[in-house]
Amino acid sequence: FFFGIGLVAFHFSAILFAWVEFIWTVALAMSTLLVLFLYGMFHYFLRIYTRFKVPPSLMITGRFETDSSIYETTITAADLRHANAQHTAEQTVGAQVREYLYPISYAHGVLDAKHGTPPTRS
């Protein structure tokens, strides 16, 4: 928490220093870049936070409650279809990236898989 506040404070102090020390054109350019860096840090912080956020239904609070309904999760068929479609899309993108990065080895792996030959490790 304090590390993040320190980063934000450092950027604000750099912006203020730019306005005190440099002419307005240089200070404006520096301020714009530093604000963009702050926005980028905030954006990636939110991305990481939402990626690793624990849902409330899986949170272990340590409280003794007799109501077990809060621990029950219901998964519908629509949820499963959505998760399956998302997984398929991620696999497709992953295959496209692998094909782009390693075109020859990927093509050999696909051909070997079609012909039933076991993959070779190199």
Foldseek 3Di string as FASTA:
>chain_A
DVVVVVLVVVLVVVLVCLVVPHPPVRSVVSNVVSVVVVVVVVVVVVVVCVVPPDDPLPDDDPDDDPDCPSVDDDDDPVNVVVVVVVVVVVVVVVLVVCCVVPVPLSVVVVVCVVVVHDDDDD
